[in-house]
């Protein structure tokens, strides 16, 4: 089963676009769940927590920014 982005989410501070849960983000990044949370905890990937149970969400634009930055540093 392929993960896809959720419906567009409008942030109260402005439109940030689509948001992804950990599984969707890991699929795009090609990483494990633990590596995904390490990126967030190290401040390398901005994320938002919505409630205690709903988990961590990452905006699609932040994933693209991270991938773009990661590609330029490795080439």
N, C-alpha and C. Protein backbone atom coordinates (compact mmCIF):
# COMPACT_ATOMS: atom_id res chain seq x y z
N UNK A 1 0.84 -1.18 0.00
CA UNK A 1 0.00 0.00 0.00
C UNK A 1 0.89 1.24 0.00
N UNK A 2 0.61 2.16 -0.90
CA UNK A 2 1.41 3.37 -1.02
C UNK A 2 0.79 4.50 -0.20
N UNK A 3 1.63 5.20 0.57
CA UNK A 3 1.15 6.33 1.36
C UNK A 3 1.04 7.56 0.47
N UNK A 4 0.00 8.34 0.71
CA UNK A 4 -0.18 9.57 -0.04
C UNK A 4 -0.42 10.72 0.92
N UNK A 5 -0.22 11.93 0.45
CA UNK A 5 -0.41 13.10 1.30
C UNK A 5 -1.88 13.26 1.66
N UNK A 6 -2.10 13.79 2.85
CA UNK A 6 -3.46 14.04 3.30
C UNK A 6 -4.01 15.28 2.61
N UNK A 7 -5.25 15.60 2.89
CA UNK A 7 -5.84 16.79 2.31
C UNK A 7 -5.06 18.02 2.74
N UNK A 8 -5.26 19.09 2.01
CA UNK A 8 -4.54 20.32 2.30
C UNK A 8 -4.89 20.80 3.70
N UNK A 9 -3.90 21.21 4.42
CA UNK A 9 -4.07 21.71 5.78
C UNK A 9 -3.73 23.19 5.81
N UNK A 10 -4.59 24.00 6.35
CA UNK A 10 -4.34 25.43 6.45
C UNK A 10 -3.94 25.77 7.87
N UNK A 11 -2.70 26.15 8.01
CA UNK A 11 -2.13 26.55 9.29
C UNK A 11 -2.72 27.90 9.68
N UNK A 12 -3.03 28.12 10.97
CA UNK A 12 -3.56 29.42 11.39
C UNK A 12 -2.62 30.59 11.06
N UNK A 13 -1.32 30.34 10.96
CA UNK A 13 -0.36 31.39 10.66
C UNK A 13 -0.13 31.56 9.16
N UNK A 14 -0.78 30.77 8.37
CA UNK A 14 -0.60 30.85 6.91
C UNK A 14 -0.71 29.47 6.29
N UNK A 15 -0.87 29.42 5.00
CA UNK A 15 -1.01 28.16 4.32
C UNK A 15 0.34 27.48 4.16
N UNK A 16 0.50 26.33 4.77
CA UNK A 16 1.74 25.57 4.66
C UNK A 16 1.60 24.42 3.68
N UNK A 17 0.40 24.18 3.18
CA UNK A 17 0.20 23.10 2.22
C UNK A 17 -0.15 21.79 2.88
N UNK A 18 0.12 20.73 2.19
CA UNK A 18 -0.23 19.38 2.68
C UNK A 18 0.67 18.97 3.83
N UNK A 19 0.14 18.13 4.67
CA UNK A 19 0.92 17.61 5.78
C UNK A 19 0.98 16.09 5.67
N UNK A 20 2.07 15.53 6.18
CA UNK A 20 2.30 14.09 6.10
C UNK A 20 2.49 13.53 7.49
N UNK A 21 2.00 12.32 7.72
CA UNK A 21 2.29 11.65 8.98
C UNK A 21 3.65 10.96 8.86
N UNK A 22 4.09 10.29 9.90
CA UNK A 22 5.43 9.71 9.91
C UNK A 22 5.61 8.67 8.81
N UNK A 23 4.59 7.89 8.56
CA UNK A 23 4.70 6.82 7.56
C UNK A 23 4.84 7.40 6.16
N UNK A 24 4.04 8.40 5.85
CA UNK A 24 4.11 9.05 4.55
C UNK A 24 5.45 9.76 4.36
N UNK A 25 5.91 10.44 5.42
CA UNK A 25 7.19 11.15 5.35
C UNK A 25 8.35 10.18 5.17
N UNK A 26 8.32 9.06 5.89
CA UNK A 26 9.38 8.06 5.77
C UNK A 26 9.44 7.49 4.37
N UNK A 27 8.30 7.30 3.75
CA UNK A 27 8.28 6.78 2.39
C UNK A 27 8.92 7.77 1.43
N UNK A 28 8.61 9.05 1.59
CA UNK A 28 9.20 10.07 0.71
C UNK A 28 10.70 10.22 0.95
N UNK A 29 11.12 10.15 2.21
CA UNK A 29 12.52 10.32 2.56
C UNK A 29 13.34 9.05 2.35
N UNK A 30 12.66 7.91 2.31
CA UNK A 30 13.35 6.64 2.17
C UNK A 30 14.12 6.27 3.43
N UNK A 31 13.50 6.51 4.59
CA UNK A 31 14.18 6.25 5.86
C UNK A 31 13.26 5.48 6.81
N UNK A 32 13.82 5.05 7.92
CA UNK A 32 13.05 4.33 8.93
C UNK A 32 12.33 5.32 9.85
N UNK A 33 11.40 4.80 10.63
CA UNK A 33 10.66 5.63 11.59
C UNK A 33 11.61 6.24 12.62
N UNK A 34 12.56 5.46 13.11
CA UNK A 34 13.48 5.99 14.12
C UNK A 34 14.37 7.08 13.54
N UNK A 35 14.82 6.92 12.30
CA UNK A 35 15.64 7.96 11.67
C UNK A 35 14.82 9.24 11.45
N UNK A 36 13.56 9.08 11.08
CA UNK A 36 12.65 10.21 10.89
C UNK A 36 12.54 11.01 12.19
N UNK A 37 12.31 10.32 13.31
CA UNK A 37 12.19 11.02 14.59
C UNK A 37 13.53 11.61 15.03
N UNK A 38 14.64 10.98 14.68
CA UNK A 38 15.96 11.56 14.98
C UNK A 38 16.14 12.88 14.24
N UNK A 39 15.72 12.94 12.96
CA UNK A 39 15.82 14.17 12.19
C UNK A 39 15.02 15.29 12.85
N UNK A 40 13.85 14.95 13.36
CA UNK A 40 13.01 15.95 14.03
C UNK A 40 13.65 16.39 15.34
N UNK A 41 14.10 15.44 16.15
CA UNK A 41 14.68 15.76 17.45
C UNK A 41 15.98 16.55 17.33
N UNK A 42 16.72 16.36 16.24
CA UNK A 42 17.96 17.10 16.01
C UNK A 42 17.70 18.46 15.39
N UNK A 43 16.45 18.75 15.04
CA UNK A 43 16.09 20.04 14.46
C UNK A 43 16.38 20.14 12.97
N UNK A 44 16.65 19.03 12.34
CA UNK A 44 16.96 19.04 10.90
C UNK A 44 15.70 19.05 10.04
N UNK A 45 14.60 18.60 10.62
CA UNK A 45 13.33 18.54 9.90
C UNK A 45 12.24 19.14 10.79
N UNK A 46 11.69 20.30 10.41
CA UNK A 46 10.64 20.92 11.21
C UNK A 46 9.37 20.08 11.20
N UNK A 47 8.75 19.94 12.35
CA UNK A 47 7.53 19.16 12.47
C UNK A 47 6.61 19.81 13.50
N UNK A 48 5.34 19.41 13.46
CA UNK A 48 4.34 19.94 14.38
C UNK A 48 3.63 18.78 15.04
N UNK A 49 3.42 18.87 16.35
CA UNK A 49 2.66 17.85 17.07
C UNK A 49 1.26 18.38 17.28
N UNK A 50 0.27 17.59 16.88
CA UNK A 50 -1.13 17.94 17.06
C UNK A 50 -1.74 17.03 18.11
N UNK A 51 -1.78 17.49 19.34
CA UNK A 51 -2.35 16.71 20.43
C UNK A 51 -1.39 15.63 20.91
N UNK A 52 -1.79 14.94 21.95
CA UNK A 52 -0.94 13.90 22.53
C UNK A 52 -1.01 12.60 21.74
N UNK A 53 -2.16 12.34 21.15
CA UNK A 53 -2.37 11.06 20.49
C UNK A 53 -2.18 11.14 18.97
N UNK A 54 -2.45 12.26 18.38
CA UNK A 54 -2.47 12.37 16.92
C UNK A 54 -1.10 12.30 16.30
N UNK A 55 -0.06 12.51 17.06
CA UNK A 55 1.28 12.31 16.54
C UNK A 55 1.90 13.53 15.90
N UNK A 56 2.95 13.28 15.16
CA UNK A 56 3.76 14.32 14.54
C UNK A 56 3.42 14.42 13.06
N UNK A 57 3.31 15.64 12.58
CA UNK A 57 3.03 15.89 11.18
C UNK A 57 4.14 16.77 10.61
N UNK A 58 4.49 16.52 9.37
CA UNK A 58 5.50 17.30 8.68
C UNK A 58 4.86 17.83 7.40
N UNK A 59 5.07 19.09 7.12
CA UNK A 59 4.52 19.68 5.90
C UNK A 59 5.32 19.22 4.69
N UNK A 60 4.62 18.96 3.61
CA UNK A 60 5.23 18.48 2.38
C UNK A 60 6.32 19.43 1.90
N UNK A 61 6.09 20.72 2.04
CA UNK A 61 7.10 21.69 1.61
C UNK A 61 8.39 21.54 2.41
N UNK A 62 8.30 21.17 3.70
CA UNK A 62 9.49 20.96 4.51
C UNK A 62 10.26 19.72 4.06
N UNK A 63 9.54 18.69 3.63
CA UNK A 63 10.19 17.48 3.09
C UNK A 63 10.97 17.85 1.82
N UNK A 64 10.32 18.62 0.94
CA UNK A 64 11.00 19.03 -0.29
C UNK A 64 12.22 19.88 0.01
N UNK A 65 12.11 20.81 0.97
CA UNK A 65 13.27 21.64 1.34
C UNK A 65 14.40 20.78 1.89
N UNK A 66 14.07 19.82 2.73
CA UNK A 66 15.08 18.94 3.31
C UNK A 66 15.78 18.13 2.22
N UNK A 67 15.00 17.56 1.30
CA UNK A 67 15.58 16.75 0.23
C UNK A 67 16.46 17.60 -0.68
N UNK A 68 16.01 18.81 -0.99
CA UNK A 68 16.79 19.70 -1.83
C UNK A 68 18.12 20.05 -1.16
N UNK A 69 18.07 20.37 0.12
CA UNK A 69 19.28 20.71 0.86
C UNK A 69 20.22 19.49 0.97
N UNK A 70 19.63 18.33 1.21
CA UNK A 70 20.42 17.10 1.36
C UNK A 70 21.10 16.73 0.04
N UNK A 71 20.42 16.93 -1.08
CA UNK A 71 21.00 16.60 -2.39
C UNK A 71 22.16 17.53 -2.72
N UNK A 72 22.04 18.81 -2.39
CA UNK A 72 23.12 19.75 -2.72
C UNK A 72 24.35 19.54 -1.84
N UNK A 73 24.19 19.05 -0.62
CA UNK A 73 25.34 18.82 0.25
C UNK A 73 26.04 17.52 -0.07
N UNK A 74 25.36 16.58 -0.70
CA UNK A 74 25.98 15.28 -1.01
C UNK A 74 26.55 15.21 -2.42
N UNK A 75 26.34 16.22 -3.25
CA UNK A 75 26.88 16.15 -4.61
C UNK A 75 28.14 16.93 -4.76
